[in-house]
PDB file of N, CA and C in Angstrom:
ATOM      1  N   MET A   1     -13.911 -22.761  -2.837  1.00  0.00           N
ATOM      2  CA  MET A   1     -13.619 -22.090  -1.591  1.00  0.00           C
ATOM      3  C   MET A   1     -12.162 -22.363  -1.216  1.00  0.00           C
ATOM      4  N   LYS A   2     -11.467 -21.331  -0.792  1.00  0.00           N
ATOM      5  CA  LYS A   2     -10.089 -21.487  -0.339  1.00  0.00           C
ATOM      6  C   LYS A   2     -10.064 -22.187   1.010  1.00  0.00           C
ATOM      7  N   LYS A   3      -9.033 -23.014   1.211  1.00  0.00           N
ATOM      8  CA  LYS A   3      -8.817 -23.673   2.499  1.00  0.00           C
ATOM      9  C   LYS A   3      -7.418 -23.324   2.973  1.00  0.00           C
ATOM     10  N   PHE A   4      -7.274 -23.189   4.280  1.00  0.00           N
ATOM     11  CA  PHE A   4      -6.003 -22.789   4.861  1.00  0.00           C
ATOM     12  C   PHE A   4      -5.562 -23.765   5.937  1.00  0.00           C
ATOM     13  N   GLU A   5      -4.255 -23.824   6.158  1.00  0.00           N
ATOM     14  CA  GLU A   5      -3.703 -24.501   7.316  1.00  0.00           C
ATOM     15  C   GLU A   5      -3.030 -23.433   8.167  1.00  0.00           C
ATOM     16  N   TYR A   6      -2.911 -23.702   9.456  1.00  0.00           N
ATOM     17  CA  TYR A   6      -2.397 -22.705  10.400  1.00  0.00           C
ATOM     18  C   TYR A   6      -1.247 -23.290  11.206  1.00  0.00           C
ATOM     19  N   PHE A   7      -0.391 -22.386  11.690  1.00  0.00           N
ATOM     20  CA  PHE A   7       0.802 -22.798  12.418  1.00  0.00           C
ATOM     21  C   PHE A   7       1.165 -21.711  13.424  1.00  0.00           C
ATOM     22  N   THR A   8       1.592 -22.091  14.604  1.00  0.00           N
ATOM     23  CA  THR A   8       2.108 -21.126  15.574  1.00  0.00           C
ATOM     24  C   THR A   8       3.573 -21.459  15.837  1.00  0.00           C
ATOM     25  N   ALA A   9       4.361 -20.416  16.083  1.00  0.00           N
ATOM     26  CA  ALA A   9       5.790 -20.611  16.318  1.00  0.00           C
ATOM     27  C   ALA A   9       6.298 -19.557  17.280  1.00  0.00           C
ATOM     28  N   PRO A  10       7.217 -19.941  18.168  1.00  0.00           N
ATOM     29  CA  PRO A  10       7.843 -18.955  19.049  1.00  0.00           C
ATOM     30  C   PRO A  10       8.836 -18.100  18.264  1.00  0.00           C
ATOM     31  N   LEU A  11       8.917 -16.824  18.617  1.00  0.00           N
ATOM     32  CA  LEU A  11       9.888 -15.908  18.000  1.00  0.00           C
ATOM     33  C   LEU A  11      10.797 -15.373  19.096  1.00  0.00           C
ATOM     34  N   LEU A  12      12.078 -15.376  18.830  1.00  0.00           N
ATOM     35  CA  LEU A  12      13.024 -14.762  19.754  1.00  0.00           C
ATOM     36  C   LEU A  12      13.269 -13.333  19.277  1.00  0.00           C
ATOM     37  N   VAL A  13      13.219 -12.381  20.196  1.00  0.00           N
ATOM     38  CA  VAL A  13      13.316 -10.964  19.850  1.00  0.00           C
ATOM     39  C   VAL A  13      14.591 -10.660  19.064  1.00  0.00           C
ATOM     40  N   HIS A  14      15.688 -11.307  19.396  1.00  0.00           N
ATOM     41  CA  HIS A  14      16.971 -10.984  18.748  1.00  0.00           C
ATOM     42  C   HIS A  14      17.123 -11.581  17.348  1.00  0.00           C
ATOM     43  N   SER A  15      16.197 -12.461  16.909  1.00  0.00           N
ATOM     44  CA  SER A  15      16.322 -13.045  15.569  1.00  0.00           C
ATOM     45  C   SER A  15      14.980 -13.112  14.844  1.00  0.00           C
ATOM     46  N   THR A  16      14.115 -12.153  15.116  1.00  0.00           N
ATOM     47  CA  THR A  16      12.765 -12.151  14.552  1.00  0.00           C
ATOM     48  C   THR A  16      12.767 -12.125  13.032  1.00  0.00           C
ATOM     49  N   LYS A  17      13.547 -11.242  12.435  1.00  0.00           N
ATOM     50  CA  LYS A  17      13.547 -11.113  10.970  1.00  0.00           C
ATOM     51  C   LYS A  17      13.938 -12.418  10.289  1.00  0.00           C
ATOM     52  N   GLU A  18      14.978 -13.053  10.756  1.00  0.00           N
ATOM     53  CA  GLU A  18      15.429 -14.294  10.145  1.00  0.00           C
ATOM     54  C   GLU A  18      14.368 -15.387  10.247  1.00  0.00           C
ATOM     55  N   ILE A  19      13.725 -15.488  11.389  1.00  0.00           N
ATOM     56  CA  ILE A  19      12.682 -16.499  11.587  1.00  0.00           C
ATOM     57  C   ILE A  19      11.501 -16.224  10.654  1.00  0.00           C
ATOM     58  N   LEU A  20      11.051 -14.971  10.595  1.00  0.00           N
ATOM     59  CA  LEU A  20       9.913 -14.631   9.733  1.00  0.00           C
ATOM     60  C   LEU A  20      10.263 -14.837   8.261  1.00  0.00           C
ATOM     61  N   ASP A  21      11.483 -14.485   7.853  1.00  0.00           N
ATOM     62  CA  ASP A  21      11.905 -14.704   6.471  1.00  0.00           C
ATOM     63  C   ASP A  21      11.866 -16.186   6.103  1.00  0.00           C
ATOM     64  N   ASN A  22      12.297 -17.042   7.023  1.00  0.00           N
ATOM     65  CA  ASN A  22      12.287 -18.488   6.754  1.00  0.00           C
ATOM     66  C   ASN A  22      10.866 -19.004   6.552  1.00  0.00           C
ATOM     67  N   PHE A  23       9.935 -18.582   7.394  1.00  0.00           N
ATOM     68  CA  PHE A  23       8.547 -19.017   7.224  1.00  0.00           C
ATOM     69  C   PHE A  23       7.962 -18.463   5.928  1.00  0.00           C
ATOM     70  N   GLY A  24       8.289 -17.232   5.591  1.00  0.00           N
ATOM     71  CA  GLY A  24       7.813 -16.642   4.348  1.00  0.00           C
ATOM     72  C   GLY A  24       8.314 -17.397   3.124  1.00  0.00           C
ATOM     73  N   GLN A  25       9.553 -17.862   3.162  1.00  0.00           N
ATOM     74  CA  GLN A  25      10.110 -18.649   2.063  1.00  0.00           C
ATOM     75  C   GLN A  25       9.347 -19.959   1.868  1.00  0.00           C
ATOM     76  N   ASP A  26       8.759 -20.467   2.939  1.00  0.00           N
ATOM     77  CA  ASP A  26       7.984 -21.711   2.871  1.00  0.00           C
ATOM     78  C   ASP A  26       6.510 -21.469   2.563  1.00  0.00           C
ATOM     79  N   GLY A  27       6.154 -20.217   2.271  1.00  0.00           N
ATOM     80  CA  GLY A  27       4.782 -19.915   1.872  1.00  0.00           C
ATOM     81  C   GLY A  27       3.843 -19.528   3.001  1.00  0.00           C
ATOM     82  N   TRP A  28       4.363 -19.391   4.221  1.00  0.00           N
ATOM     83  CA  TRP A  28       3.519 -19.007   5.359  1.00  0.00           C
ATOM     84  C   TRP A  28       3.330 -17.498   5.380  1.00  0.00           C
ATOM     85  N   GLU A  29       2.115 -17.060   5.616  1.00  0.00           N
ATOM     86  CA  GLU A  29       1.787 -15.634   5.754  1.00  0.00           C
ATOM     87  C   GLU A  29       1.591 -15.328   7.236  1.00  0.00           C
ATOM     88  N   LEU A  30       2.265 -14.294   7.725  1.00  0.00           N
ATOM     89  CA  LEU A  30       2.128 -13.886   9.116  1.00  0.00           C
ATOM     90  C   LEU A  30       0.754 -13.269   9.331  1.00  0.00           C
ATOM     91  N   VAL A  31       0.042 -13.768  10.348  1.00  0.00           N
ATOM     92  CA  VAL A  31      -1.290 -13.255  10.664  1.00  0.00           C
ATOM     93  C   VAL A  31      -1.218 -12.315  11.862  1.00  0.00           C
ATOM     94  N   GLN A  32      -0.489 -12.738  12.907  1.00  0.00           N
ATOM     95  CA  GLN A  32      -0.445 -11.939  14.136  1.00  0.00           C
ATOM     96  C   GLN A  32       0.757 -12.354  14.973  1.00  0.00           C
ATOM     97  N   VAL A  33       1.279 -11.399  15.745  1.00  0.00           N
ATOM     98  CA  VAL A  33       2.317 -11.680  16.734  1.00  0.00           C
ATOM     99  C   VAL A  33       1.792 -11.217  18.085  1.00  0.00           C
ATOM    100  N   VAL A  34       1.897 -12.085  19.084  1.00  0.00           N
ATOM    101  CA  VAL A  34       1.430 -11.764  20.431  1.00  0.00           C
ATOM    102  C   VAL A  34       2.564 -12.008  21.426  1.00  0.00           C
ATOM    103  N   PRO A  35       2.515 -11.356  22.598  1.00  0.00           N
ATOM    104  CA  PRO A  35       3.552 -11.576  23.611  1.00  0.00           C
ATOM    105  C   PRO A  35       3.567 -13.023  24.084  1.00  0.00           C
ATOM    106  N   GLY A  36       4.775 -13.516  24.371  1.00  0.00           N
ATOM    107  CA  GLY A  36       4.935 -14.862  24.903  1.00  0.00           C
ATOM    108  C   GLY A  36       4.914 -14.853  26.423  1.00  0.00           C
ATOM    109  N   MET A  37       5.468 -15.903  26.988  1.00  0.00           N
ATOM    110  CA  MET A  37       5.457 -16.057  28.440  1.00  0.00           C
ATOM    111  C   MET A  37       6.409 -15.101  29.148  1.00  0.00           C
ATOM    112  N   ASN A  38       7.446 -14.618  28.446  1.00  0.00           N
ATOM    113  CA  ASN A  38       8.342 -13.641  29.045  1.00  0.00           C
ATOM    114  C   ASN A  38       8.664 -12.565  28.008  1.00  0.00           C
ATOM    115  N   PRO A  39       9.238 -11.441  28.413  1.00  0.00           N
ATOM    116  CA  PRO A  39       9.448 -10.299  27.506  1.00  0.00           C
ATOM    117  C   PRO A  39      10.375 -10.585  26.321  1.00  0.00           C
ATOM    118  N   GLU A  40      11.200 -11.614  26.397  1.00  0.00           N
ATOM    119  CA  GLU A  40      12.135 -11.919  25.315  1.00  0.00           C
ATOM    120  C   GLU A  40      11.521 -12.814  24.243  1.00  0.00           C
ATOM    121  N   ASN A  41      10.306 -13.319  24.488  1.00  0.00           N
ATOM    122  CA  ASN A  41       9.666 -14.228  23.537  1.00  0.00           C
ATOM    123  C   ASN A  41       8.361 -13.662  23.006  1.00  0.00           C
ATOM    124  N   LEU A  42       8.104 -13.971  21.746  1.00  0.00           N
ATOM    125  CA  LEU A  42       6.848 -13.635  21.092  1.00  0.00           C
ATOM    126  C   LEU A  42       6.303 -14.917  20.476  1.00  0.00           C
ATOM    127  N   VAL A  43       5.014 -14.932  20.173  1.00  0.00           N
ATOM    128  CA  VAL A  43       4.404 -16.068  19.490  1.00  0.00           C
ATOM    129  C   VAL A  43       3.807 -15.552  18.189  1.00  0.00           C
ATOM    130  N   ALA A  44       4.173 -16.196  17.087  1.00  0.00           N
ATOM    131  CA  ALA A  44       3.685 -15.799  15.770  1.00  0.00           C
ATOM    132  C   ALA A  44       2.639 -16.797  15.291  1.00  0.00           C
ATOM    133  N   TYR A  45       1.591 -16.274  14.684  1.00  0.00           N
ATOM    134  CA  TYR A  45       0.539 -17.090  14.076  1.00  0.00           C
ATOM    135  C   TYR A  45       0.631 -16.914  12.564  1.00  0.00           C
ATOM    136  N   PHE A  46       0.684 -18.033  11.848  1.00  0.00           N
ATOM    137  CA  PHE A  46       0.823 -18.035  10.398  1.00  0.00           C
ATOM    138  C   PHE A  46      -0.322 -18.804   9.754  1.00  0.00           C
ATOM    139  N   LYS A  47      -0.539 -18.517   8.463  1.00  0.00           N
ATOM    140  CA  LYS A  47      -1.471 -19.314   7.670  1.00  0.00           C
ATOM    141  C   LYS A  47      -0.907 -19.436   6.266  1.00  0.00           C
ATOM    142  N   ARG A  48      -1.327 -20.496   5.580  1.00  0.00           N
ATOM    143  CA  ARG A  48      -1.025 -20.637   4.155  1.00  0.00           C
ATOM    144  C   ARG A  48      -2.147 -21.437   3.504  1.00  0.00           C
ATOM    145  N   GLU A  49      -2.365 -21.117   2.251  1.00  0.00           N
ATOM    146  CA  GLU A  49      -3.454 -21.765   1.522  1.00  0.00           C
ATOM    147  C   GLU A  49      -3.064 -23.217   1.225  1.00  0.00           C
ATOM    148  N   ILE A  50      -4.047 -24.094   1.360  1.00  0.00           N
ATOM    149  CA  ILE A  50      -3.866 -25.498   1.021  1.00  0.00           C
ATOM    150  C   ILE A  50      -4.147 -25.657  -0.467  1.00  0.00           C
ATOM    151  N   GLU A  51      -3.205 -26.234  -1.172  1.00  0.00           N
ATOM    152  CA  GLU A  51      -3.368 -26.466  -2.609  1.00  0.00           C
ATOM    153  C   GLU A  51      -4.326 -27.639  -2.819  1.00  0.00           C
ATOM    154  N   GLU A  52      -5.371 -27.410  -3.598  1.00  0.00           N
ATOM    155  CA  GLU A  52      -6.306 -28.481  -3.938  1.00  0.00           C
ATOM    156  C   GLU A  52      -5.645 -29.406  -4.940  1.00  0.00           C
ATOM    157  N   LYS A  53      -5.819 -30.716  -4.756  1.00  0.00           N
ATOM    158  CA  LYS A  53      -5.198 -31.690  -5.659  1.00  0.00           C
ATOM    159  C   LYS A  53      -6.185 -32.224  -6.652  1.00  0.00           C
TER     160      LYS A  53
END
């Protein structure tokens, strides 16, 4: 059975692509983006598979 770990991170509207690219380089898959506390912020939810040892 696959196992996953999860992570949430704030996204700034003016640098969204760079932030998402950085998480993607680290193996995180974007699951969802939701509005943050104000219109200039978003919250991203990520997951990545845990490697079995």
